[in-house]
Amino acid sequence: MNLNQLRIFYMAAKRGNLSLAAEDLFITQPAVTKGIQRLQEHYEIKLVNRIGKKLVLTDAGEVVFEIAEKIFDLEKHAEESIREFRQRKKGRIRIHASESFGAYYLPSIMNPFSKSNPLLKISVNILPTEQVIENIADLKCDLGFISYPLEHKKILIREVLEDQLVLIVPPDHPFGSRKHLKPSDLAGQTMIVHERKSAPQQVLRRYSQ
């Protein structure tokens, strides 16, 4: 089916007038008439009757008009969806984040973003930093947040925030009365830290060496 001819027929039937349809389509009235004639000739069936300047649909014309209306409603919906995707109002964002960032910082970023972009579907996976890097390089996610910088030739890394580590001790601990500590003071101390290879543990290891 020639969609251009169908559109001409649809607009003419919707407006009930050839001249008005021509104005809406930005073509001449003879072009509207010709388009309807070719559609009818192709399917060898009468779709409209002219009574003066008014167009009246035949039974076949009413059926074709209903189908055409659905087609062009879908076309309009498709254009609106594409426009929303281009404007980043609709779509899907896959985010992978390290445990520390994903648990403590990401919610405060994503909650207001989700509220202002309700049509965007956002999925978040919490993974080790090394896995986040691999998934970004393999295009398994759109955006990644890691806890410490790692070099990778396929990835561009930008710092978004700095964290501050605080040492907590019981009131009777020798460190409790001191305002400053040297790296060597941590040697031999028993500490509870994050899991192995985590950013806090790496920072403490570098600090105490």
N, C-alpha and C. Protein backbone atom coordinates (compact mmCIF):
# COMPACT_ATOMS: atom_id res chain seq x y z
N MET A 1 0.84 -1.20 0.00
CA MET A 1 0.00 0.00 0.00
C MET A 1 0.87 1.25 0.00
N ASN A 2 0.50 2.22 -0.82
CA ASN A 2 1.21 3.48 -0.88
C ASN A 2 0.75 4.36 0.29
N LEU A 3 1.62 4.56 1.27
CA LEU A 3 1.23 5.30 2.47
C LEU A 3 0.97 6.77 2.18
N ASN A 4 1.63 7.31 1.16
CA ASN A 4 1.38 8.71 0.81
C ASN A 4 -0.05 8.88 0.29
N GLN A 5 -0.47 7.95 -0.55
CA GLN A 5 -1.85 7.98 -1.06
C GLN A 5 -2.85 7.73 0.08
N LEU A 6 -2.50 6.83 0.98
CA LEU A 6 -3.37 6.55 2.12
C LEU A 6 -3.51 7.78 3.01
N ARG A 7 -2.41 8.50 3.18
CA ARG A 7 -2.45 9.71 4.01
C ARG A 7 -3.35 10.77 3.36
N ILE A 8 -3.24 10.89 2.05
CA ILE A 8 -4.10 11.86 1.33
C ILE A 8 -5.57 11.51 1.52
N PHE A 9 -5.88 10.22 1.33
CA PHE A 9 -7.26 9.76 1.53
C PHE A 9 -7.71 10.02 2.97
N TYR A 10 -6.85 9.70 3.92
CA TYR A 10 -7.20 9.85 5.34
C TYR A 10 -7.50 11.31 5.68
N MET A 11 -6.64 12.22 5.25
CA MET A 11 -6.84 13.63 5.57
C MET A 11 -8.09 14.18 4.88
N ALA A 12 -8.32 13.74 3.63
CA ALA A 12 -9.51 14.20 2.92
C ALA A 12 -10.78 13.70 3.60
N ALA A 13 -10.77 12.43 4.03
CA ALA A 13 -11.93 11.86 4.72
C ALA A 13 -12.13 12.52 6.09
N LYS A 14 -11.02 12.79 6.76
CA LYS A 14 -11.10 13.40 8.09
C LYS A 14 -11.65 14.82 8.02
N ARG A 15 -11.22 15.56 7.03
CA ARG A 15 -11.66 16.94 6.88
C ARG A 15 -12.99 17.04 6.12
N GLY A 16 -13.30 15.99 5.34
CA GLY A 16 -14.53 16.00 4.57
C GLY A 16 -14.53 16.99 3.43
N ASN A 17 -13.35 17.47 3.06
CA ASN A 17 -13.25 18.51 2.04
C ASN A 17 -11.86 18.44 1.41
N LEU A 18 -11.82 18.48 0.07
CA LEU A 18 -10.54 18.36 -0.64
C LEU A 18 -9.64 19.57 -0.41
N SER A 19 -10.22 20.75 -0.41
CA SER A 19 -9.43 21.97 -0.24
C SER A 19 -8.78 22.03 1.14
N LEU A 20 -9.55 21.69 2.16
CA LEU A 20 -9.01 21.71 3.52
C LEU A 20 -7.92 20.66 3.70
N ALA A 21 -8.12 19.49 3.08
CA ALA A 21 -7.10 18.44 3.14
C ALA A 21 -5.82 18.90 2.44
N ALA A 22 -5.98 19.59 1.31
CA ALA A 22 -4.82 20.10 0.57
C ALA A 22 -4.03 21.09 1.42
N GLU A 23 -4.74 21.95 2.18
CA GLU A 23 -4.05 22.92 3.04
C GLU A 23 -3.28 22.22 4.14
N ASP A 24 -3.88 21.20 4.74
CA ASP A 24 -3.21 20.47 5.82
C ASP A 24 -1.98 19.72 5.32
N LEU A 25 -2.05 19.24 4.09
CA LEU A 25 -0.95 18.45 3.53
C LEU A 25 0.06 19.28 2.77
N PHE A 26 -0.24 20.58 2.60
CA PHE A 26 0.64 21.51 1.87
C PHE A 26 0.85 21.07 0.42
N ILE A 27 -0.24 20.61 -0.18
CA ILE A 27 -0.22 20.26 -1.60
C ILE A 27 -1.43 20.91 -2.27
N THR A 28 -1.55 20.74 -3.56
CA THR A 28 -2.68 21.35 -4.28
C THR A 28 -3.91 20.44 -4.21
N GLN A 29 -5.08 21.04 -4.46
CA GLN A 29 -6.31 20.25 -4.45
C GLN A 29 -6.30 19.18 -5.54
N PRO A 30 -5.81 19.49 -6.77
CA PRO A 30 -5.74 18.43 -7.80
C PRO A 30 -4.87 17.26 -7.35
N ALA A 31 -3.81 17.55 -6.57
CA ALA A 31 -2.94 16.47 -6.09
C ALA A 31 -3.69 15.57 -5.11
N VAL A 32 -4.57 16.17 -4.30
CA VAL A 32 -5.39 15.39 -3.37
C VAL A 32 -6.34 14.49 -4.17
N THR A 33 -6.99 15.07 -5.13
CA THR A 33 -7.92 14.31 -5.98
C THR A 33 -7.21 13.15 -6.67
N LYS A 34 -6.03 13.43 -7.22
CA LYS A 34 -5.26 12.42 -7.93
C LYS A 34 -4.84 11.29 -6.99
N GLY A 35 -4.43 11.66 -5.77
CA GLY A 35 -4.00 10.65 -4.81
C GLY A 35 -5.11 9.68 -4.45
N ILE A 36 -6.31 10.22 -4.24
CA ILE A 36 -7.46 9.36 -3.91
C ILE A 36 -7.83 8.48 -5.10
N GLN A 37 -7.79 9.06 -6.29
CA GLN A 37 -8.11 8.28 -7.50
C GLN A 37 -7.14 7.12 -7.68
N ARG A 38 -5.87 7.35 -7.49
CA ARG A 38 -4.88 6.29 -7.67
C ARG A 38 -5.05 5.19 -6.63
N LEU A 39 -5.42 5.57 -5.41
CA LEU A 39 -5.65 4.57 -4.37
C LEU A 39 -6.85 3.70 -4.74
N GLN A 40 -7.90 4.33 -5.22
CA GLN A 40 -9.09 3.59 -5.62
C GLN A 40 -8.82 2.71 -6.83
N GLU A 41 -8.05 3.23 -7.78
CA GLU A 41 -7.74 2.47 -8.99
C GLU A 41 -6.87 1.25 -8.67
N HIS A 42 -5.95 1.44 -7.72
CA HIS A 42 -5.04 0.34 -7.37
C HIS A 42 -5.81 -0.83 -6.78
N TYR A 43 -6.79 -0.52 -5.91
CA TYR A 43 -7.56 -1.59 -5.25
C TYR A 43 -8.90 -1.86 -5.95
N GLU A 44 -9.14 -1.11 -7.02
CA GLU A 44 -10.36 -1.29 -7.81
C GLU A 44 -11.62 -1.27 -6.94
N ILE A 45 -11.71 -0.25 -6.10
CA ILE A 45 -12.87 -0.11 -5.22
C ILE A 45 -13.12 1.37 -4.93
N LYS A 46 -14.36 1.73 -4.81
CA LYS A 46 -14.74 3.11 -4.53
C LYS A 46 -14.66 3.36 -3.02
N LEU A 47 -13.94 4.40 -2.64
CA LEU A 47 -13.76 4.71 -1.22
C LEU A 47 -14.54 5.96 -0.79
N VAL A 48 -14.72 6.90 -1.73
CA VAL A 48 -15.43 8.14 -1.40
C VAL A 48 -16.39 8.52 -2.52
N ASN A 49 -17.43 9.23 -2.13
CA ASN A 49 -18.34 9.86 -3.08
C ASN A 49 -18.33 11.36 -2.81
N ARG A 50 -18.40 12.13 -3.89
CA ARG A 50 -18.44 13.58 -3.74
C ARG A 50 -19.87 14.06 -3.91
N ILE A 51 -20.34 14.77 -2.90
CA ILE A 51 -21.66 15.42 -2.95
C ILE A 51 -21.41 16.92 -2.83
N GLY A 52 -21.36 17.58 -3.97
CA GLY A 52 -20.96 18.98 -3.97
C GLY A 52 -19.50 19.08 -3.59
N LYS A 53 -19.18 19.88 -2.59
CA LYS A 53 -17.81 19.99 -2.10
C LYS A 53 -17.52 19.03 -0.95
N LYS A 54 -18.54 18.31 -0.53
CA LYS A 54 -18.39 17.43 0.62
C LYS A 54 -18.05 16.01 0.18
N LEU A 55 -17.20 15.35 0.96
CA LEU A 55 -16.83 13.97 0.69
C LEU A 55 -17.59 13.04 1.63
N VAL A 56 -18.14 11.97 1.09
CA VAL A 56 -18.87 10.99 1.88
C VAL A 56 -18.21 9.63 1.67
N LEU A 57 -17.87 8.95 2.75
CA LEU A 57 -17.21 7.66 2.64
C LEU A 57 -18.20 6.55 2.28
N THR A 58 -17.72 5.63 1.44
CA THR A 58 -18.49 4.43 1.17
C THR A 58 -18.25 3.46 2.34
N ASP A 59 -18.93 2.31 2.30
CA ASP A 59 -18.70 1.32 3.36
C ASP A 59 -17.25 0.89 3.39
N ALA A 60 -16.68 0.65 2.21
CA ALA A 60 -15.27 0.28 2.13
C ALA A 60 -14.38 1.42 2.61
N GLY A 61 -14.78 2.65 2.27
CA GLY A 61 -14.02 3.82 2.68
C GLY A 61 -13.98 3.98 4.19
N GLU A 62 -15.08 3.66 4.88
CA GLU A 62 -15.13 3.76 6.33
C GLU A 62 -14.17 2.77 6.99
N VAL A 63 -14.11 1.55 6.42
CA VAL A 63 -13.21 0.54 6.96
C VAL A 63 -11.75 0.96 6.76
N VAL A 64 -11.43 1.44 5.55
CA VAL A 64 -10.06 1.88 5.26
C VAL A 64 -9.69 3.08 6.13
N PHE A 65 -10.67 3.98 6.35
CA PHE A 65 -10.41 5.16 7.18
C PHE A 65 -10.06 4.75 8.61
N GLU A 66 -10.76 3.80 9.19
CA GLU A 66 -10.48 3.34 10.55
C GLU A 66 -9.08 2.71 10.64
N ILE A 67 -8.74 1.93 9.61
CA ILE A 67 -7.40 1.32 9.60
C ILE A 67 -6.33 2.41 9.45
N ALA A 68 -6.56 3.36 8.56
CA ALA A 68 -5.59 4.44 8.34
C ALA A 68 -5.40 5.26 9.62
N GLU A 69 -6.50 5.47 10.35
CA GLU A 69 -6.40 6.25 11.59
C GLU A 69 -5.49 5.56 12.60
N LYS A 70 -5.60 4.24 12.69
CA LYS A 70 -4.73 3.48 13.59
C LYS A 70 -3.28 3.56 13.14
N ILE A 71 -3.07 3.45 11.82
CA ILE A 71 -1.71 3.51 11.29
C ILE A 71 -1.04 4.84 11.61
N PHE A 72 -1.75 5.94 11.39
CA PHE A 72 -1.14 7.25 11.59
C PHE A 72 -1.08 7.65 13.07
N ASP A 73 -1.95 7.04 13.89
CA ASP A 73 -1.80 7.22 15.33
C ASP A 73 -0.53 6.54 15.82
N LEU A 74 -0.26 5.34 15.28
CA LEU A 74 0.97 4.64 15.63
C LEU A 74 2.20 5.40 15.14
N GLU A 75 2.10 5.97 13.95
CA GLU A 75 3.20 6.77 13.41
C GLU A 75 3.49 7.96 14.33
N LYS A 76 2.44 8.62 14.78
CA LYS A 76 2.60 9.76 15.69
C LYS A 76 3.24 9.32 17.00
N HIS A 77 2.78 8.18 17.51
CA HIS A 77 3.34 7.65 18.75
C HIS A 77 4.82 7.31 18.58
N ALA A 78 5.17 6.73 17.44
CA ALA A 78 6.56 6.38 17.16
C ALA A 78 7.44 7.63 17.11
N GLU A 79 6.95 8.68 16.46
CA GLU A 79 7.71 9.93 16.37
C GLU A 79 7.91 10.55 17.75
N GLU A 80 6.87 10.51 18.57
CA GLU A 80 6.97 11.06 19.92
C GLU A 80 7.98 10.27 20.75
N SER A 81 7.96 8.93 20.60
CA SER A 81 8.90 8.09 21.34
C SER A 81 10.33 8.35 20.91
N ILE A 82 10.55 8.49 19.59
CA ILE A 82 11.89 8.78 19.09
C ILE A 82 12.37 10.14 19.60
N ARG A 83 11.47 11.11 19.60
CA ARG A 83 11.81 12.44 20.10
C ARG A 83 12.20 12.38 21.58
N GLU A 84 11.48 11.58 22.34
CA GLU A 84 11.79 11.46 23.77
C GLU A 84 13.13 10.77 23.98
N PHE A 85 13.43 9.76 23.15
CA PHE A 85 14.73 9.10 23.24
C PHE A 85 15.85 10.08 22.91
N ARG A 86 15.65 10.88 21.86
CA ARG A 86 16.68 11.84 21.45
C ARG A 86 16.91 12.89 22.52
N GLN A 87 15.87 13.24 23.23
CA GLN A 87 15.98 14.23 24.30
C GLN A 87 16.33 13.60 25.64
N ARG A 88 16.60 12.30 25.63
CA ARG A 88 16.96 11.55 26.82
C ARG A 88 15.88 11.58 27.89
N LYS A 89 14.62 11.70 27.45
CA LYS A 89 13.51 11.66 28.40
C LYS A 89 12.99 10.24 28.58
N LYS A 90 13.39 9.37 27.66
CA LYS A 90 12.88 8.01 27.72
C LYS A 90 14.00 7.06 27.31
N GLY A 91 14.01 5.89 27.91
CA GLY A 91 15.04 4.92 27.57
C GLY A 91 15.47 4.14 28.79
N ARG A 92 16.68 3.61 28.72
CA ARG A 92 17.19 2.79 29.81
C ARG A 92 18.64 3.12 30.07
N ILE A 93 19.01 3.23 31.32
CA ILE A 93 20.39 3.47 31.72
C ILE A 93 20.81 2.33 32.64
N ARG A 94 21.88 1.64 32.25
CA ARG A 94 22.41 0.54 33.06
C ARG A 94 23.63 1.04 33.81
N ILE A 95 23.57 0.99 35.13
CA ILE A 95 24.65 1.49 35.98
C ILE A 95 25.23 0.36 36.80
N HIS A 96 26.54 0.25 36.79
CA HIS A 96 27.24 -0.67 37.68
C HIS A 96 28.10 0.16 38.62
N ALA A 97 28.08 -0.18 39.90
CA ALA A 97 28.80 0.62 40.88
C ALA A 97 29.47 -0.27 41.91
N SER A 98 30.57 0.22 42.44
CA SER A 98 31.24 -0.51 43.53
C SER A 98 30.35 -0.45 44.76
N GLU A 99 30.62 -1.34 45.72
CA GLU A 99 29.74 -1.44 46.88
C GLU A 99 29.68 -0.15 47.68
N SER A 100 30.83 0.45 47.95
CA SER A 100 30.85 1.67 48.76
C SER A 100 30.09 2.81 48.10
N PHE A 101 30.40 3.04 46.83
CA PHE A 101 29.73 4.14 46.13
C PHE A 101 28.26 3.83 45.93
N GLY A 102 27.97 2.59 45.52
CA GLY A 102 26.59 2.22 45.25
C GLY A 102 25.70 2.26 46.47
N ALA A 103 26.25 1.92 47.63
CA ALA A 103 25.44 1.87 48.84
C ALA A 103 25.27 3.23 49.50
N TYR A 104 26.31 4.07 49.45
CA TYR A 104 26.28 5.29 50.24
C TYR A 104 26.08 6.58 49.44
N TYR A 105 26.52 6.61 48.21
CA TYR A 105 26.45 7.86 47.44
C TYR A 105 25.46 7.84 46.29
N LEU A 106 25.36 6.70 45.62
CA LEU A 106 24.52 6.62 44.42
C LEU A 106 23.04 6.93 44.70
N PRO A 107 22.45 6.45 45.80
CA PRO A 107 21.03 6.76 46.04
C PRO A 107 20.72 8.25 46.08
N SER A 108 21.61 9.04 46.68
CA SER A 108 21.36 10.48 46.77
C SER A 108 21.47 11.16 45.40
N ILE A 109 22.16 10.52 44.47
CA ILE A 109 22.27 11.05 43.11
C ILE A 109 21.10 10.59 42.26
N MET A 110 20.77 9.29 42.36
CA MET A 110 19.78 8.71 41.47
C MET A 110 18.34 9.06 41.84
N ASN A 111 18.03 9.21 43.11
CA ASN A 111 16.65 9.48 43.51
C ASN A 111 16.11 10.77 42.90
N PRO A 112 16.81 11.91 43.02
CA PRO A 112 16.29 13.13 42.37
C PRO A 112 16.32 13.04 40.85
N PHE A 113 17.32 12.32 40.28
CA PHE A 113 17.39 12.17 38.83
C PHE A 113 16.20 11.37 38.32
N SER A 114 15.84 10.30 39.03
CA SER A 114 14.71 9.46 38.62
C SER A 114 13.40 10.23 38.70
N LYS A 115 13.26 11.08 39.71
CA LYS A 115 12.03 11.86 39.86
C LYS A 115 11.87 12.86 38.72
N SER A 116 12.97 13.43 38.27
CA SER A 116 12.90 14.41 37.19
C SER A 116 12.86 13.77 35.80
N ASN A 117 13.14 12.45 35.74
CA ASN A 117 13.09 11.72 34.46
C ASN A 117 12.32 10.42 34.65
N PRO A 118 11.01 10.51 34.89
CA PRO A 118 10.21 9.32 35.24
C PRO A 118 10.11 8.27 34.13
N LEU A 119 10.35 8.65 32.88
CA LEU A 119 10.24 7.69 31.78
C LEU A 119 11.53 6.90 31.54
N LEU A 120 12.59 7.29 32.23
CA LEU A 120 13.86 6.57 32.10
C LEU A 120 13.88 5.39 33.06
N LYS A 121 14.19 4.22 32.54
CA LYS A 121 14.33 3.03 33.37
C LYS A 121 15.79 2.87 33.75
N ILE A 122 16.05 2.88 35.04
CA ILE A 122 17.43 2.81 35.53
C ILE A 122 17.63 1.53 36.31
N SER A 123 18.63 0.75 35.90
CA SER A 123 18.98 -0.47 36.63
C SER A 123 20.37 -0.30 37.23
N VAL A 124 20.54 -0.77 38.47
CA VAL A 124 21.81 -0.62 39.18
C VAL A 124 22.27 -1.98 39.69
N ASN A 125 23.52 -2.33 39.39
CA ASN A 125 24.14 -3.55 39.92
C ASN A 125 25.34 -3.16 40.77
N ILE A 126 25.44 -3.73 41.96
CA ILE A 126 26.56 -3.47 42.85
C ILE A 126 27.59 -4.59 42.68
N LEU A 127 28.82 -4.22 42.30
CA LEU A 127 29.85 -5.21 41.97
C LEU A 127 31.21 -4.73 42.47
N PRO A 128 32.20 -5.62 42.54
CA PRO A 128 33.56 -5.18 42.86
C PRO A 128 34.06 -4.20 41.80
N THR A 129 34.95 -3.32 42.20
CA THR A 129 35.46 -2.30 41.29
C THR A 129 36.05 -2.89 40.02
N GLU A 130 36.82 -3.97 40.15
CA GLU A 130 37.44 -4.59 38.97
C GLU A 130 36.38 -5.10 37.99
N GLN A 131 35.27 -5.64 38.53
CA GLN A 131 34.19 -6.14 37.67
C GLN A 131 33.48 -5.00 36.98
N VAL A 132 33.32 -3.87 37.67
CA VAL A 132 32.69 -2.69 37.07
C VAL A 132 33.52 -2.24 35.87
N ILE A 133 34.83 -2.20 36.05
CA ILE A 133 35.73 -1.79 34.96
C ILE A 133 35.59 -2.73 33.76
N GLU A 134 35.58 -4.02 34.01
CA GLU A 134 35.47 -5.00 32.92
C GLU A 134 34.13 -4.86 32.19
N ASN A 135 33.06 -4.65 32.93
CA ASN A 135 31.74 -4.55 32.31
C ASN A 135 31.60 -3.29 31.46
N ILE A 136 32.21 -2.20 31.90
CA ILE A 136 32.19 -0.98 31.10
C ILE A 136 32.96 -1.20 29.80
N ALA A 137 34.12 -1.82 29.91
CA ALA A 137 34.94 -2.08 28.72
C ALA A 137 34.24 -3.01 27.74
N ASP A 138 33.44 -3.93 28.26
CA ASP A 138 32.71 -4.89 27.42
C ASP A 138 31.33 -4.38 27.01
N LEU A 139 31.03 -3.10 27.34
CA LEU A 139 29.76 -2.47 27.00
C LEU A 139 28.55 -3.18 27.63
N LYS A 140 28.76 -3.76 28.79
CA LYS A 140 27.66 -4.41 29.50
C LYS A 140 26.87 -3.43 30.36
N CYS A 141 27.35 -2.22 30.47
CA CYS A 141 26.63 -1.17 31.19
C CYS A 141 26.94 0.17 30.53
N ASP A 142 26.13 1.17 30.84
CA ASP A 142 26.29 2.49 30.22
C ASP A 142 27.18 3.42 31.05
N LEU A 143 27.20 3.17 32.35
CA LEU A 143 27.91 4.07 33.25
C LEU A 143 28.39 3.28 34.46
N GLY A 144 29.57 3.59 34.93
CA GLY A 144 30.10 2.88 36.09
C GLY A 144 30.68 3.84 37.12
N PHE A 145 30.54 3.47 38.37
CA PHE A 145 31.12 4.24 39.47
C PHE A 145 32.03 3.30 40.27
N ILE A 146 33.27 3.70 40.43
CA ILE A 146 34.23 2.87 41.15
C ILE A 146 34.77 3.64 42.35
N SER A 147 35.41 2.91 43.26
CA SER A 147 35.86 3.53 44.51
C SER A 147 37.28 4.06 44.45
N TYR A 148 38.05 3.60 43.49
CA TYR A 148 39.42 4.06 43.35
C TYR A 148 39.81 3.97 41.87
N PRO A 149 40.72 4.81 41.42
CA PRO A 149 41.06 4.87 39.99
C PRO A 149 41.83 3.64 39.52
N LEU A 150 41.44 3.15 38.36
CA LEU A 150 42.15 2.06 37.70
C LEU A 150 42.33 2.44 36.23
N GLU A 151 43.50 2.26 35.71
CA GLU A 151 43.76 2.62 34.31
C GLU A 151 43.28 1.52 33.38
N HIS A 152 42.62 1.95 32.29
CA HIS A 152 42.17 1.01 31.26
C HIS A 152 42.13 1.76 29.94
N LYS A 153 42.71 1.19 28.91
CA LYS A 153 42.83 1.90 27.64
C LYS A 153 41.49 2.16 26.96
N LYS A 154 40.45 1.41 27.32
CA LYS A 154 39.14 1.59 26.69
C LYS A 154 38.20 2.48 27.50
N ILE A 155 38.66 2.97 28.62
CA ILE A 155 37.76 3.67 29.54
C ILE A 155 38.29 5.04 29.90
N LEU A 156 37.40 6.00 29.96
CA LEU A 156 37.73 7.35 30.42
C LEU A 156 37.21 7.50 31.84
N ILE A 157 38.08 7.86 32.77
CA ILE A 157 37.72 7.97 34.18
C ILE A 157 37.80 9.42 34.63
N ARG A 158 36.78 9.87 35.33
CA ARG A 158 36.73 11.22 35.88
C ARG A 158 36.36 11.16 37.36
N GLU A 159 37.03 11.95 38.17
CA GLU A 159 36.73 11.99 39.60
C GLU A 159 35.46 12.81 39.83
N VAL A 160 34.53 12.26 40.61
CA VAL A 160 33.27 12.96 40.87
C VAL A 160 33.16 13.43 42.32
N LEU A 161 33.91 12.78 43.24
CA LEU A 161 33.89 13.23 44.63
C LEU A 161 35.07 12.64 45.38
N GLU A 162 35.36 13.22 46.53
CA GLU A 162 36.39 12.73 47.41
C GLU A 162 35.75 12.26 48.71
N ASP A 163 36.30 11.19 49.26
CA ASP A 163 35.79 10.64 50.51
C ASP A 163 36.78 10.93 51.63
N GLN A 164 36.30 10.91 52.85
CA GLN A 164 37.15 11.14 54.00
C GLN A 164 37.00 9.96 54.96
N LEU A 165 38.13 9.36 55.31
CA LEU A 165 38.13 8.25 56.26
C LEU A 165 38.36 8.78 57.67
N VAL A 166 37.60 8.26 58.59
CA VAL A 166 37.71 8.68 59.99
C VAL A 166 38.04 7.47 60.85
N LEU A 167 39.04 7.60 61.71
CA LEU A 167 39.44 6.53 62.60
C LEU A 167 38.60 6.62 63.88
N ILE A 168 37.93 5.52 64.23
CA ILE A 168 37.09 5.48 65.42
C ILE A 168 37.70 4.51 66.44
N VAL A 169 37.86 4.96 67.69
CA VAL A 169 38.45 4.13 68.74
C VAL A 169 37.61 4.25 70.01
N PRO A 170 37.72 3.29 70.92
CA PRO A 170 37.02 3.39 72.21
C PRO A 170 37.58 4.56 73.03
N PRO A 171 36.84 5.08 73.98
CA PRO A 171 37.31 6.23 74.78
C PRO A 171 38.62 5.96 75.51
N ASP A 172 38.85 4.71 75.92
CA ASP A 172 40.07 4.42 76.69
C ASP A 172 41.24 4.01 75.83
N HIS A 173 41.09 4.10 74.51
CA HIS A 173 42.19 3.73 73.62
C HIS A 173 43.26 4.81 73.65
N PRO A 174 44.53 4.43 73.53
CA PRO A 174 45.62 5.43 73.55
C PRO A 174 45.47 6.51 72.47
N PHE A 175 44.85 6.16 71.36
CA PHE A 175 44.68 7.16 70.29
C PHE A 175 43.60 8.18 70.65
N GLY A 176 42.75 7.85 71.62
CA GLY A 176 41.62 8.72 71.94
C GLY A 176 42.01 10.10 72.41
N SER A 177 43.18 10.23 73.02
CA SER A 177 43.62 11.53 73.55
C SER A 177 44.56 12.26 72.61
N ARG A 178 44.80 11.70 71.44
CA ARG A 178 45.74 12.31 70.51
C ARG A 178 45.00 13.01 69.37
N LYS A 179 45.49 14.17 68.98
CA LYS A 179 44.87 14.93 67.89
C LYS A 179 45.46 14.55 66.53
N HIS A 180 46.68 14.07 66.52
CA HIS A 180 47.33 13.73 65.26
C HIS A 180 47.99 12.36 65.36
N LEU A 181 48.01 11.67 64.25
CA LEU A 181 48.64 10.36 64.17
C LEU A 181 49.60 10.32 63.00
N LYS A 182 50.68 9.55 63.18
CA LYS A 182 51.62 9.32 62.09
C LYS A 182 51.32 7.97 61.47
N PRO A 183 51.66 7.78 60.20
CA PRO A 183 51.43 6.47 59.57
C PRO A 183 52.00 5.31 60.37
N SER A 184 53.16 5.53 60.97
CA SER A 184 53.81 4.46 61.72
C SER A 184 53.02 4.09 62.97
N ASP A 185 52.15 4.98 63.45
CA ASP A 185 51.35 4.69 64.64
C ASP A 185 50.36 3.56 64.41
N LEU A 186 49.99 3.34 63.15
CA LEU A 186 49.02 2.30 62.84
C LEU A 186 49.63 0.92 62.76
N ALA A 187 50.95 0.85 62.71
CA ALA A 187 51.63 -0.44 62.61
C ALA A 187 51.32 -1.30 63.84
N GLY A 188 50.92 -2.53 63.59
CA GLY A 188 50.64 -3.46 64.69
C GLY A 188 49.27 -3.29 65.32
N GLN A 189 48.48 -2.32 64.87
CA GLN A 189 47.15 -2.11 65.44
C GLN A 189 46.14 -3.07 64.82
N THR A 190 45.23 -3.55 65.64
CA THR A 190 44.15 -4.38 65.15
C THR A 190 43.00 -3.47 64.72
N MET A 191 42.59 -3.61 63.47
CA MET A 191 41.55 -2.72 62.94
C MET A 191 40.48 -3.51 62.21
N ILE A 192 39.28 -2.99 62.25
CA ILE A 192 38.18 -3.53 61.46
C ILE A 192 38.04 -2.64 60.23
N VAL A 193 38.23 -3.21 59.05
CA VAL A 193 38.18 -2.42 57.82
C VAL A 193 37.27 -3.13 56.81
N HIS A 194 37.10 -2.48 55.69
CA HIS A 194 36.27 -3.03 54.62
C HIS A 194 36.93 -4.27 54.05
N GLU A 195 36.22 -4.96 53.11
CA GLU A 195 36.74 -6.21 52.58
C GLU A 195 38.04 -6.01 51.81
N ARG A 196 38.71 -7.10 51.54
CA ARG A 196 39.99 -7.08 50.84
C ARG A 196 39.85 -6.42 49.48
N LYS A 197 40.84 -5.62 49.12
CA LYS A 197 40.92 -4.89 47.86
C LYS A 197 39.94 -3.71 47.79
N SER A 198 39.22 -3.43 48.87
CA SER A 198 38.32 -2.28 48.86
C SER A 198 39.14 -1.00 48.94
N ALA A 199 38.52 0.12 48.56
CA ALA A 199 39.22 1.41 48.57
C ALA A 199 39.71 1.78 49.97
N PRO A 200 38.89 1.67 51.04
CA PRO A 200 39.38 2.02 52.37
C PRO A 200 40.58 1.18 52.80
N GLN A 201 40.55 -0.11 52.49
CA GLN A 201 41.67 -0.96 52.88
C GLN A 201 42.94 -0.59 52.13
N GLN A 202 42.81 -0.27 50.86
CA GLN A 202 44.00 0.11 50.09
C GLN A 202 44.58 1.42 50.60
N VAL A 203 43.70 2.37 50.95
CA VAL A 203 44.18 3.64 51.48
C VAL A 203 44.92 3.43 52.79
N LEU A 204 44.36 2.62 53.67
CA LEU A 204 45.00 2.35 54.97
C LEU A 204 46.34 1.64 54.78
N ARG A 205 46.41 0.73 53.82
CA ARG A 205 47.67 0.01 53.58
C ARG A 205 48.74 0.97 53.10
N ARG A 206 48.37 1.86 52.17
CA ARG A 206 49.35 2.84 51.67
C ARG A 206 49.75 3.82 52.78
N TYR A 207 48.80 4.18 53.63
CA TYR A 207 49.05 5.16 54.70
C TYR A 207 49.98 4.59 55.76
N SER A 208 49.82 3.30 56.03
CA SER A 208 50.60 2.71 57.13
C SER A 208 51.96 2.16 56.68
N GLN A 209 52.20 2.13 55.37
CA GLN A 209 53.48 1.59 54.88
C GLN A 209 54.63 2.59 55.09
